Amino acid sequence: MQPEQLAAFVLCVAIASVLQSLTTFAFGLVLLGLVELFRLVPLADATNASMVLALVNSLAFFWGDRKPLPWRQVRPAIIASVVGVASGLVLQQWLNAGSSQWMRLMLGVVVVASAANLVFAGKVRAQPSPPAAYAGYGWLSGLLGGLFATSGPPMVYHMLRQPLDPAFIRRCLVLVFIVNNASRLVMVSATGQLSQRSLLLCAVALPVAFVATRVAARWGTRLSRRRVVALTGILLCATGLTLVGTAIRAMGAA
């Protein structure tokens, strides 16, 4: 791996970490979108590195937190998400066995859909959703987590529509993401898919992700959430549409 590729990957991690800190869920989407857009490293390695980095960031969120974890609220989502992760990994292997362009196309569609989800969030419900709804969104979250280690959009959309305290919603989301990424890490490691390149990317990028997250947490409050959401949505949309376009052109030329 060339030094300039590694430096570019670290820069993408810094950008993704800042946006994750400000928007709750954009880390994997921004990181994978930029990495795949500029063809910095193989998508599978970037996905695994994103998984580990997101897991460490989520665990750091609860570091020193003495409050009980909100297991009861999100238990249906957590159970379903583990099943979704396994489904996503199976689908990823099937797509990789065919054409990488299908993976690029699917990632682009997910990124664009997530941009729309971020910008056009639904209204808060009058009553909490039933457990079945949590399970459904949890499974979809796990499916995206298994495919691209980007489990955020479905659960974020679902939780932000619940009549709950924003701080409690954030803790629920982080807990789901921890279980999601941890289960994916176990499955990937057990099947020998965690490459040395992925570990190298994690080792180099972890300090940068930590510093970028701390800086964003300290200075990000100076930016209005509306402006941050708009900028993140534009970045995600532009990245996703470019990925979709390049994939379709490549598939048409094949």
Protein backbone atom coordinates (compact mmCIF):
# COMPACT_ATOMS: atom_id res chain seq x y z
CA MET A 1 0.00 0.00 0.00
CA GLN A 2 1.44 3.36 -1.06
CA PRO A 3 2.03 6.09 1.57
CA GLU A 4 -0.13 8.58 -0.34
CA GLN A 5 -3.02 6.10 -0.34
CA LEU A 6 -2.68 5.62 3.39
CA ALA A 7 -2.55 9.39 3.97
CA ALA A 8 -5.66 9.89 1.84
CA PHE A 9 -7.47 7.15 3.78
CA VAL A 10 -6.56 8.81 7.09
CA LEU A 11 -7.90 12.14 5.77
CA CYS A 12 -11.18 10.43 4.85
CA VAL A 13 -11.33 8.97 8.38
CA ALA A 14 -10.87 12.45 9.87
CA ILE A 15 -13.70 13.88 7.74
CA ALA A 16 -15.97 10.94 8.54
CA SER A 17 -15.21 11.18 12.28
CA VAL A 18 -16.13 14.86 12.41
CA LEU A 19 -19.41 14.30 10.59
CA GLN A 20 -20.18 11.25 12.74
CA SER A 21 -19.75 13.33 15.86
CA LEU A 22 -22.12 16.00 14.52
CA THR A 23 -24.80 13.81 12.89
CA THR A 24 -24.71 10.53 14.94
CA PHE A 25 -24.44 8.04 12.08
CA ALA A 26 -22.51 9.31 9.02
CA PHE A 27 -19.11 7.71 9.73
CA GLY A 28 -19.29 4.53 7.66
CA LEU A 29 -21.27 6.14 4.84
CA VAL A 30 -18.86 9.04 4.39
CA LEU A 31 -15.74 6.91 4.82
CA LEU A 32 -16.74 4.13 2.43
CA GLY A 33 -18.23 6.57 -0.06
CA LEU A 34 -15.01 8.62 -0.26
CA VAL A 35 -12.72 5.58 -0.22
CA GLU A 36 -14.62 3.90 -3.03
CA LEU A 37 -15.01 7.14 -4.97
CA PHE A 38 -11.25 7.67 -5.08
CA ARG A 39 -10.43 3.93 -5.21
CA LEU A 40 -8.02 4.21 -2.27
CA VAL A 41 -8.23 0.64 -0.94
CA PRO A 42 -10.37 -2.44 -1.72
CA LEU A 43 -13.95 -2.01 -0.51
CA ALA A 44 -13.83 -5.16 1.64
CA ASP A 45 -10.77 -3.90 3.56
CA ALA A 46 -12.26 -0.42 3.95
CA THR A 47 -15.52 -1.92 5.23
CA ASN A 48 -13.75 -4.01 7.86
CA ALA A 49 -11.62 -1.06 8.96
CA SER A 50 -14.72 1.11 9.19
CA MET A 51 -16.38 -1.55 11.33
CA VAL A 52 -13.54 -1.63 13.87
CA LEU A 53 -13.18 2.16 13.99
CA ALA A 54 -16.92 2.63 14.49
CA LEU A 55 -16.95 -0.01 17.23
CA VAL A 56 -14.13 1.69 19.12
CA ASN A 57 -15.83 5.08 18.83
CA SER A 58 -19.11 3.62 20.11
CA LEU A 59 -17.43 1.92 23.07
CA ALA A 60 -15.69 5.19 23.92
CA PHE A 61 -19.12 6.85 24.04
CA PHE A 62 -20.09 4.72 27.07
CA TRP A 63 -16.70 4.97 28.75
CA GLY A 64 -17.30 6.14 32.31
CA ASP A 65 -21.08 6.17 31.80
CA ARG A 66 -22.68 4.79 34.97
CA LYS A 67 -26.26 4.87 33.72
CA PRO A 68 -27.97 1.53 32.98
CA LEU A 69 -27.80 0.58 29.32
CA PRO A 70 -31.17 0.81 27.50
CA TRP A 71 -31.36 -2.91 26.68
CA ARG A 72 -35.10 -3.17 27.22
CA GLN A 73 -35.99 -0.43 24.77
CA VAL A 74 -33.98 -1.83 21.86
CA ARG A 75 -33.85 -5.59 22.61
CA PRO A 76 -36.06 -6.52 19.59
CA ALA A 77 -33.88 -4.40 17.31
CA ILE A 78 -30.65 -5.90 18.67
CA ILE A 79 -31.79 -9.51 18.23
CA ALA A 80 -33.02 -8.86 14.70
CA SER A 81 -29.90 -6.87 13.79
CA VAL A 82 -27.60 -9.82 14.53
CA VAL A 83 -29.64 -11.92 12.09
CA GLY A 84 -29.46 -9.04 9.61
CA VAL A 85 -25.66 -8.86 9.90
CA ALA A 86 -25.35 -12.53 9.01
CA SER A 87 -27.69 -12.01 6.05
CA GLY A 88 -25.69 -9.00 4.89
CA LEU A 89 -22.38 -10.87 5.01
CA VAL A 90 -23.83 -13.74 2.96
CA LEU A 91 -25.15 -11.23 0.40
CA GLN A 92 -21.79 -9.46 0.32
CA GLN A 93 -19.96 -12.70 -0.48
CA TRP A 94 -22.45 -13.50 -3.23
CA LEU A 95 -22.06 -10.05 -4.80
CA ASN A 96 -18.27 -10.16 -4.54
CA ALA A 97 -18.27 -13.50 -6.34
CA GLY A 98 -20.03 -11.82 -9.28
CA SER A 99 -18.97 -8.26 -10.08
CA SER A 100 -17.49 -5.52 -7.93
CA GLN A 101 -19.58 -3.05 -9.91
CA TRP A 102 -22.74 -4.42 -8.28
CA MET A 103 -21.22 -3.68 -4.88
CA ARG A 104 -20.31 -0.16 -6.01
CA LEU A 105 -23.80 0.39 -7.41
CA MET A 106 -25.48 -0.86 -4.22
CA LEU A 107 -23.22 1.26 -2.02
CA GLY A 108 -24.06 4.32 -4.11
CA VAL A 109 -27.80 3.68 -3.79
CA VAL A 110 -27.48 3.23 -0.01
CA VAL A 111 -25.48 6.46 0.31
CA VAL A 112 -28.03 8.48 -1.71
CA ALA A 113 -30.96 6.98 0.21
CA SER A 114 -29.20 7.79 3.49
CA ALA A 115 -28.68 11.39 2.38
CA ALA A 116 -32.41 11.70 1.74
CA ASN A 117 -33.11 10.03 5.10
CA LEU A 118 -30.86 12.54 6.86
CA VAL A 119 -32.31 15.63 5.21
CA PHE A 120 -35.99 14.63 5.10
CA ALA A 121 -36.50 13.09 8.52
CA GLY A 122 -40.05 12.06 9.39
CA LYS A 123 -42.22 13.63 12.08
CA VAL A 124 -42.15 12.38 15.67
CA ARG A 125 -44.84 9.81 16.41
CA ALA A 126 -47.52 10.46 19.03
CA GLN A 127 -47.06 6.95 20.49
CA PRO A 128 -43.95 4.69 20.66
CA SER A 129 -43.64 2.08 17.91
CA PRO A 130 -44.42 -1.57 18.75
CA PRO A 131 -41.60 -4.15 19.23
CA ALA A 132 -42.22 -5.54 15.73
CA ALA A 133 -41.28 -2.19 14.21
CA TYR A 134 -38.04 -2.17 16.23
CA ALA A 135 -37.28 -5.68 14.98
CA GLY A 136 -37.95 -4.74 11.37
CA TYR A 137 -35.73 -1.68 11.41
CA GLY A 138 -33.16 -3.61 13.42
CA TRP A 139 -32.97 -6.33 10.76
CA LEU A 140 -32.59 -3.77 7.98
CA SER A 141 -29.91 -2.00 10.02
CA GLY A 142 -28.07 -5.29 10.46
CA LEU A 143 -28.35 -6.07 6.74
CA LEU A 144 -26.62 -2.81 5.83
CA GLY A 145 -24.13 -3.44 8.64
CA GLY A 146 -23.27 -6.84 7.22
CA LEU A 147 -22.92 -5.47 3.70
CA PHE A 148 -21.00 -2.24 4.32
CA ALA A 149 -20.63 -1.83 8.11
CA THR A 150 -23.03 1.13 7.78
CA SER A 151 -25.90 0.13 10.03
CA GLY A 152 -26.98 3.63 11.03
CA PRO A 153 -29.62 4.97 8.61
CA PRO A 154 -32.59 2.63 9.28
CA MET A 155 -32.31 2.77 13.08
CA VAL A 156 -31.60 6.50 13.12
CA TYR A 157 -34.71 7.14 11.03
CA HIS A 158 -36.77 4.89 13.29
CA MET A 159 -35.49 6.22 16.61
CA LEU A 160 -35.72 9.89 15.70
CA ARG A 161 -39.44 9.41 15.14
CA GLN A 162 -39.97 8.05 18.65
CA PRO A 163 -41.41 10.33 21.38
CA LEU A 164 -38.30 9.91 23.52
CA ASP A 165 -35.65 12.18 25.00
CA PRO A 166 -32.89 12.91 22.42
CA ALA A 167 -30.13 11.91 24.84
CA PHE A 168 -31.86 8.57 25.49
CA ILE A 169 -32.31 8.03 21.74
CA ARG A 170 -28.60 8.57 21.21
CA ARG A 171 -27.72 5.99 23.88
CA CYS A 172 -30.12 3.49 22.28
CA LEU A 173 -28.56 4.03 18.87
CA VAL A 174 -25.00 3.66 20.11
CA LEU A 175 -25.91 0.44 21.95
CA VAL A 176 -27.44 -1.06 18.79
CA PHE A 177 -24.38 -0.05 16.77
CA ILE A 178 -22.04 -1.67 19.31
CA VAL A 179 -23.84 -5.01 19.13
CA ASN A 180 -24.10 -4.72 15.36
CA ASN A 181 -20.41 -4.04 14.77
CA ALA A 182 -19.27 -6.49 17.46
CA SER A 183 -21.30 -9.32 15.93
CA ARG A 184 -19.96 -8.46 12.48
CA LEU A 185 -16.40 -8.44 13.81
CA VAL A 186 -16.87 -11.91 15.32
CA MET A 187 -18.36 -13.30 12.11
CA VAL A 188 -15.71 -11.74 9.86
CA SER A 189 -12.86 -12.92 12.09
CA ALA A 190 -14.29 -16.44 12.36
CA THR A 191 -14.43 -16.77 8.58
CA GLY A 192 -10.92 -15.39 8.02
CA GLN A 193 -12.06 -12.22 6.21
CA LEU A 194 -10.25 -9.73 8.47
CA SER A 195 -7.11 -9.05 6.43
CA GLN A 196 -3.78 -7.62 7.57
CA ARG A 197 -4.45 -4.56 5.43
CA SER A 198 -7.66 -3.90 7.39
CA LEU A 199 -5.75 -4.13 10.67
CA LEU A 200 -3.06 -1.76 9.34
CA LEU A 201 -5.69 0.78 8.32
CA CYS A 202 -7.27 0.56 11.78
CA ALA A 203 -3.96 0.97 13.60
CA VAL A 204 -3.00 4.06 11.61
CA ALA A 205 -6.44 5.68 11.61
CA LEU A 206 -7.53 5.12 15.24
CA PRO A 207 -5.57 8.06 16.74
CA VAL A 208 -6.80 10.36 13.97
CA ALA A 209 -10.40 9.27 14.49
CA PHE A 210 -10.10 9.91 18.24
CA VAL A 211 -8.60 13.40 17.81
CA ALA A 212 -11.10 14.38 15.09
CA THR A 213 -13.99 13.22 17.25
CA ARG A 214 -12.76 15.19 20.26
CA VAL A 215 -12.24 18.34 18.17
CA ALA A 216 -15.71 18.04 16.67
CA ALA A 217 -17.25 17.50 20.10
CA ARG A 218 -15.55 20.63 21.40
CA TRP A 219 -16.02 23.00 18.47
CA GLY A 220 -18.93 21.48 16.59
CA THR A 221 -21.50 23.19 18.79
CA ARG A 222 -20.65 26.44 17.02
CA LEU A 223 -22.28 25.08 13.87
CA SER A 224 -26.04 24.86 13.58
CA ARG A 225 -27.37 21.33 13.19
CA ARG A 226 -29.37 22.41 10.15
CA ARG A 227 -26.23 23.57 8.36
CA VAL A 228 -24.30 20.44 9.30
CA VAL A 229 -27.14 18.20 8.11
CA ALA A 230 -27.36 20.12 4.81
CA LEU A 231 -23.61 19.90 4.16
CA THR A 232 -23.49 16.22 5.07
CA GLY A 233 -26.51 15.49 2.89
CA ILE A 234 -24.92 17.26 -0.09
CA LEU A 235 -21.65 15.37 0.39
CA LEU A 236 -23.40 12.02 0.69
CA CYS A 237 -25.67 12.69 -2.28
CA ALA A 238 -22.81 13.81 -4.55
CA THR A 239 -20.68 10.83 -3.52
CA GLY A 240 -23.52 8.33 -3.95
CA LEU A 241 -24.59 9.63 -7.34
CA THR A 242 -21.00 9.50 -8.57
CA LEU A 243 -20.66 5.90 -7.41
CA VAL A 244 -23.92 4.94 -9.12
CA GLY A 245 -22.87 6.66 -12.33
CA THR A 246 -19.42 5.07 -12.50
CA ALA A 247 -20.88 1.62 -11.73
CA ILE A 248 -23.54 1.91 -14.43
CA ARG A 249 -20.99 3.09 -17.01
CA ALA A 250 -18.62 0.25 -16.15
CA MET A 251 -21.41 -2.32 -16.33
CA GLY A 252 -22.55 -0.92 -19.68
CA ALA A 253 -19.04 -1.11 -21.10
CA ALA A 254 -18.50 -4.69 -19.90
